[in-house]
Every structure is written in C-alpha cells, then in structure tokens.
C-alpha atoms as a PDB file:
ATOM      1  CA  UNK A   1       0.119  16.578  -0.012  1.00  0.00           C
ATOM      2  CA  UNK A   2       2.969  15.698  -2.273  1.00  0.00           C
ATOM      3  CA  UNK A   3       2.431  14.114  -5.730  1.00  0.00           C
ATOM      4  CA  UNK A   4       3.768  10.804  -4.286  1.00  0.00           C
ATOM      5  CA  UNK A   5       1.091  10.379  -1.578  1.00  0.00           C
ATOM      6  CA  UNK A   6      -2.590   9.567  -1.503  1.00  0.00           C
ATOM      7  CA  UNK A   7      -5.179  10.421   1.165  1.00  0.00           C
ATOM      8  CA  UNK A   8      -7.647   8.014   2.721  1.00  0.00           C
ATOM      9  CA  UNK A   9     -10.659   9.462   0.759  1.00  0.00           C
ATOM     10  CA  UNK A  10      -8.643   9.272  -2.550  1.00  0.00           C
ATOM     11  CA  UNK A  11      -7.696   5.692  -1.840  1.00  0.00           C
ATOM     12  CA  UNK A  12     -11.292   4.832  -0.918  1.00  0.00           C
ATOM     13  CA  UNK A  13     -12.361   6.095  -4.278  1.00  0.00           C
ATOM     14  CA  UNK A  14      -9.731   3.743  -6.000  1.00  0.00           C
ATOM     15  CA  UNK A  15     -10.518   0.627  -3.938  1.00  0.00           C
ATOM     16  CA  UNK A  16     -12.448  -1.080  -6.733  1.00  0.00           C
ATOM     17  CA  UNK A  17     -10.365   0.322  -9.566  1.00  0.00           C
ATOM     18  CA  UNK A  18      -8.769  -2.635 -11.387  1.00  0.00           C
ATOM     19  CA  UNK A  19      -5.878  -0.355 -12.521  1.00  0.00           C
ATOM     20  CA  UNK A  20      -4.656   0.062  -8.951  1.00  0.00           C
ATOM     21  CA  UNK A  21      -2.805  -2.451  -6.786  1.00  0.00           C
ATOM     22  CA  UNK A  22      -2.853  -1.787  -3.070  1.00  0.00           C
ATOM     23  CA  UNK A  23       0.117  -3.305  -1.273  1.00  0.00           C
ATOM     24  CA  UNK A  24       0.292  -4.150   2.477  1.00  0.00           C
ATOM     25  CA  UNK A  25       4.014  -4.146   3.324  1.00  0.00           C
ATOM     26  CA  UNK A  26       3.961  -5.233   6.984  1.00  0.00           C
ATOM     27  CA  UNK A  27       4.103  -8.771   8.369  1.00  0.00           C
ATOM     28  CA  UNK A  28       1.995 -11.734   7.273  1.00  0.00           C
ATOM     29  CA  UNK A  29       0.403 -11.704  10.736  1.00  0.00           C
ATOM     30  CA  UNK A  30      -0.568  -8.042  10.444  1.00  0.00           C
ATOM     31  CA  UNK A  31      -1.940  -8.707   6.906  1.00  0.00           C
ATOM     32  CA  UNK A  32      -4.041 -11.620   8.155  1.00  0.00           C
ATOM     33  CA  UNK A  33      -5.328  -9.591  11.174  1.00  0.00           C
ATOM     34  CA  UNK A  34      -6.387  -6.451   9.294  1.00  0.00           C
ATOM     35  CA  UNK A  35      -5.893  -5.057   5.862  1.00  0.00           C
ATOM     36  CA  UNK A  36      -7.349  -2.508   3.423  1.00  0.00           C
ATOM     37  CA  UNK A  37      -9.998  -4.271   1.299  1.00  0.00           C
ATOM     38  CA  UNK A  38      -8.507  -5.652  -1.858  1.00  0.00           C
ATOM     39  CA  UNK A  39      -4.896  -5.231  -0.865  1.00  0.00           C
ATOM     40  CA  UNK A  40      -2.223  -7.841  -1.524  1.00  0.00           C
ATOM     41  CA  UNK A  41       0.697  -8.763   0.737  1.00  0.00           C
ATOM     42  CA  UNK A  42       4.262  -8.112  -0.297  1.00  0.00           C
ATOM     43  CA  UNK A  43       6.526  -7.559   2.797  1.00  0.00           C
ATOM     44  CA  UNK A  44       8.766  -4.650   2.849  1.00  0.00           C
ATOM     45  CA  UNK A  45      11.916  -6.765   2.794  1.00  0.00           C
ATOM     46  CA  UNK A  46      10.859  -8.394  -0.493  1.00  0.00           C
ATOM     47  CA  UNK A  47      10.423  -4.882  -2.174  1.00  0.00           C
ATOM     48  CA  UNK A  48      13.673  -3.865  -0.659  1.00  0.00           C
ATOM     49  CA  UNK A  49      15.252  -6.942  -2.268  1.00  0.00           C
ATOM     50  CA  UNK A  50      13.452  -6.136  -5.567  1.00  0.00           C
ATOM     51  CA  UNK A  51      11.185  -9.103  -5.345  1.00  0.00           C
ATOM     52  CA  UNK A  52       8.022  -7.533  -6.755  1.00  0.00           C
ATOM     53  CA  UNK A  53       7.431  -9.300 -10.106  1.00  0.00           C
ATOM     54  CA  UNK A  54       3.805 -10.083  -9.095  1.00  0.00           C
ATOM     55  CA  UNK A  55       3.056  -6.387  -9.414  1.00  0.00           C
ATOM     56  CA  UNK A  56       1.775  -5.331 -12.858  1.00  0.00           C
ATOM     57  CA  UNK A  57       3.889  -2.406 -14.156  1.00  0.00           C
ATOM     58  CA  UNK A  58       0.845  -1.077 -16.056  1.00  0.00           C
ATOM     59  CA  UNK A  59      -1.020  -0.456 -12.736  1.00  0.00           C
ATOM     60  CA  UNK A  60      -0.717   2.261 -10.191  1.00  0.00           C
ATOM     61  CA  UNK A  61       0.707   0.796  -6.874  1.00  0.00           C
ATOM     62  CA  UNK A  62      -0.256   2.128  -3.468  1.00  0.00           C
ATOM     63  CA  UNK A  63       1.872   1.032  -0.480  1.00  0.00           C
ATOM     64  CA  UNK A  64       0.873   1.304   3.088  1.00  0.00           C
ATOM     65  CA  UNK A  65       1.964   0.149   6.504  1.00  0.00           C
ATOM     66  CA  UNK A  66       0.977   0.841  10.131  1.00  0.00           C
ATOM     67  CA  UNK A  67       0.568   4.605  10.411  1.00  0.00           C
ATOM     68  CA  UNK A  68       1.974   8.036   9.421  1.00  0.00           C
ATOM     69  CA  UNK A  69       5.191   7.466  11.388  1.00  0.00           C
ATOM     70  CA  UNK A  70       6.036   4.334   9.267  1.00  0.00           C
ATOM     71  CA  UNK A  71       8.598   5.284   6.675  1.00  0.00           C
ATOM     72  CA  UNK A  72       8.802   1.793   5.154  1.00  0.00           C
ATOM     73  CA  UNK A  73       5.882   2.526   2.812  1.00  0.00           C
ATOM     74  CA  UNK A  74       7.655   5.589   1.535  1.00  0.00           C
ATOM     75  CA  UNK A  75      10.880   3.740   0.891  1.00  0.00           C
ATOM     76  CA  UNK A  76       8.971   0.851  -0.747  1.00  0.00           C
ATOM     77  CA  UNK A  77       7.138   3.261  -3.044  1.00  0.00           C
ATOM     78  CA  UNK A  78      10.406   4.948  -3.941  1.00  0.00           C
ATOM     79  CA  UNK A  79      12.079   1.633  -4.784  1.00  0.00           C
ATOM     80  CA  UNK A  80       9.099   0.815  -6.979  1.00  0.00           C
ATOM     81  CA  UNK A  81       9.202   4.187  -8.711  1.00  0.00           C
ATOM     82  CA  UNK A  82      12.987   3.755  -9.265  1.00  0.00           C
ATOM     83  CA  UNK A  83      12.152   0.536 -11.017  1.00  0.00           C
ATOM     84  CA  UNK A  84       9.558   2.017 -13.411  1.00  0.00           C
ATOM     85  CA  UNK A  85       6.376   1.632 -11.432  1.00  0.00           C
ATOM     86  CA  UNK A  86       3.860   4.400 -10.785  1.00  0.00           C
ATOM     87  CA  UNK A  87       3.852   4.132  -6.958  1.00  0.00           C
ATOM     88  CA  UNK A  88       2.041   6.151  -4.337  1.00  0.00           C
ATOM     89  CA  UNK A  89       2.060   6.078  -0.531  1.00  0.00           C
ATOM     90  CA  UNK A  90      -0.957   6.024   1.637  1.00  0.00           C
ATOM     91  CA  UNK A  91       0.511   7.691   4.747  1.00  0.00           C
ATOM     92  CA  UNK A  92      -2.307   7.086   7.234  1.00  0.00           C
ATOM     93  CA  UNK A  93      -1.862   3.347   7.137  1.00  0.00           C
ATOM     94  CA  UNK A  94      -4.042   0.829   8.831  1.00  0.00           C
ATOM     95  CA  UNK A  95      -4.395   2.986  11.946  1.00  0.00           C
ATOM     96  CA  UNK A  96      -6.092   5.773  10.121  1.00  0.00           C
ATOM     97  CA  UNK A  97      -7.989   3.496   7.806  1.00  0.00           C
ATOM     98  CA  UNK A  98      -9.448   1.584  10.737  1.00  0.00           C
ATOM     99  CA  UNK A  99     -10.371   4.740  12.607  1.00  0.00           C
ATOM    100  CA  UNK A 100     -12.334   5.964   9.622  1.00  0.00           C
ATOM    101  CA  UNK A 101     -14.271   2.755   9.356  1.00  0.00           C
ATOM    102  CA  UNK A 102     -13.273   2.229   5.719  1.00  0.00           C
ATOM    103  CA  UNK A 103     -13.613  -1.192   4.008  1.00  0.00           C
ATOM    104  CA  UNK A 104     -11.213  -3.811   5.339  1.00  0.00           C
ATOM    105  CA  UNK A 105     -10.648  -7.529   5.334  1.00  0.00           C
ATOM    106  CA  UNK A 106      -9.055 -10.108   7.696  1.00  0.00           C
ATOM    107  CA  UNK A 107      -8.288 -13.761   7.676  1.00  0.00           C
END
C-alpha cells in the first residue's frame, strides 16, 4: 500500500470521523444507486476542472470510484493534492465495499 491509498478496513474506521470527507466521483446515477455511507458526490469532471470549493481543505479527502481498475479516483486525488488538499484513494471502490457488506446508502 502506498501512502496515497487507503484500504477498506481503514476507510471503515474513518467513516464517522468528521475530519474526513469521502468523495464519490462517478455519475449522479451511480451515486444515487449506491454509495459509501456518508460520502458526498463530486463528479470526476468537476475535480478535473478544479471545481471542488465545497471540500474543506482542513479535512482529509478520500476519493473512490467503481473498482480497482478505475484510475479516475487516483487522478482526482492527485489533482486535489496538487491543490493543497490531503487526499487519499480508496482503490477497491464500490465493488469491493459492497462485497464486504460495509455501510452504504442509496437514494
């Protein structure tokens, strides 16, 4: 594991931590259908366009997308880090999170 990534158990431990913002970067539809509990929706293209003012710079940001093959969450975290945020990537994405039965939301 690199210093820029976080595992599912590590993220599970942070889910109720108010100093962490979990960011779902996929489509609005995907966000409504299934998301990690407590996450907010900021689509990848907005982060790519540097539209992320709703993220508190004093918080740790964790980005995630579909699964381990999705590189968008890595690129989004790098953009955030390049702009002064402490950003990590949850590589497993919704696919791993769902398979583990960890807390989620929909609607």
